[in-house]
């Protein structure tokens, strides 16, 4: 079920950018609002850029010996070839 829209924002765009968004919305058969919401979700929503950056930072803090690159590649290839 789609989330109910309960908040509204007024956003001012430079005319050229708004025309680009309108053109893209028309090409996709969607509304400008849908495209703007989607862009905001990608940037700020769960799974967006912020979440990916946080995940990379958590991975960087891990202290685990994973082996050298050749060993890792060998393990990947064995796993890909095993049924």
Protein backbone atom coordinates (compact mmCIF):
# COMPACT_ATOMS: atom_id res chain seq x y z
CA UNK A 1 0.00 0.00 0.00
CA UNK A 2 1.36 3.44 -0.93
CA UNK A 3 2.21 5.79 1.89
CA UNK A 4 -0.37 8.53 2.38
CA UNK A 5 0.87 11.99 1.47
CA UNK A 6 0.39 14.32 4.43
CA UNK A 7 3.11 16.96 4.06
CA UNK A 8 3.43 19.64 1.41
CA UNK A 9 6.43 21.75 0.37
CA UNK A 10 6.72 24.66 -2.00
CA UNK A 11 9.98 24.51 -3.93
CA UNK A 12 11.29 27.21 -6.23
CA UNK A 13 13.33 26.08 -9.24
CA UNK A 14 15.29 28.05 -11.81
CA UNK A 15 13.17 28.06 -15.00
CA UNK A 16 15.63 25.99 -17.05
CA UNK A 17 15.81 23.25 -14.41
CA UNK A 18 12.04 23.15 -14.06
CA UNK A 19 11.66 22.78 -17.85
CA UNK A 20 14.09 19.85 -17.72
CA UNK A 21 12.08 18.20 -14.95
CA UNK A 22 8.82 18.83 -16.82
CA UNK A 23 10.26 17.36 -20.02
CA UNK A 24 11.50 14.26 -18.18
CA UNK A 25 8.16 13.83 -16.41
CA UNK A 26 6.35 14.05 -19.74
CA UNK A 27 8.72 11.49 -21.31
CA UNK A 28 8.13 9.09 -18.42
CA UNK A 29 4.39 9.73 -18.25
CA UNK A 30 4.72 10.87 -14.65
CA UNK A 31 4.13 14.07 -12.71
CA UNK A 32 6.79 16.58 -11.71
CA UNK A 33 5.89 15.82 -8.08
CA UNK A 34 6.60 12.11 -8.56
CA UNK A 35 10.05 12.84 -9.99
CA UNK A 36 10.91 15.28 -7.22
CA UNK A 37 9.74 12.83 -4.52
CA UNK A 38 11.74 10.04 -6.13
CA UNK A 39 14.88 12.21 -6.25
CA UNK A 40 14.44 13.16 -2.58
CA UNK A 41 13.94 9.51 -1.62
CA UNK A 42 17.08 8.46 -3.50
CA UNK A 43 19.13 11.16 -1.80
CA UNK A 44 17.63 11.16 1.70
CA UNK A 45 15.36 8.13 2.09
CA UNK A 46 16.23 4.67 3.34
CA UNK A 47 18.65 3.12 0.91
CA UNK A 48 19.61 6.57 -0.36
CA UNK A 49 23.03 8.12 -0.62
CA UNK A 50 23.21 8.86 3.11
CA UNK A 51 22.48 5.24 4.02
CA UNK A 52 25.08 3.98 1.53
CA UNK A 53 27.73 6.34 2.89
CA UNK A 54 26.97 5.18 6.43
CA UNK A 55 27.25 1.53 5.34
CA UNK A 56 30.64 2.15 3.71
CA UNK A 57 31.87 3.92 6.85
CA UNK A 58 30.75 0.94 8.97
CA UNK A 59 32.55 -1.46 6.63
CA UNK A 60 35.70 0.68 6.77
CA UNK A 61 35.70 0.39 10.57
CA UNK A 62 35.68 -3.42 10.45
CA UNK A 63 38.94 -5.01 11.48
CA UNK A 64 38.97 -8.43 9.90
CA UNK A 65 41.63 -10.29 7.92
CA UNK A 66 39.97 -11.21 4.64
CA UNK A 67 43.09 -12.35 2.80
CA UNK A 68 44.87 -11.00 -0.21
CA UNK A 69 43.08 -10.08 -3.45
CA UNK A 70 44.15 -13.26 -5.27
CA UNK A 71 42.78 -15.44 -2.46
CA UNK A 72 39.50 -13.52 -2.44
CA UNK A 73 39.16 -13.83 -6.23
CA UNK A 74 39.84 -17.58 -6.00
CA UNK A 75 37.11 -17.98 -3.36
CA UNK A 76 34.66 -15.99 -5.48
CA UNK A 77 35.39 -18.08 -8.57
CA UNK A 78 35.05 -21.38 -6.63
CA UNK A 79 31.73 -20.20 -5.23
CA UNK A 80 30.48 -19.18 -8.67
CA UNK A 81 31.41 -22.54 -10.18
CA UNK A 82 29.99 -24.77 -7.42
CA UNK A 83 26.41 -25.95 -8.03
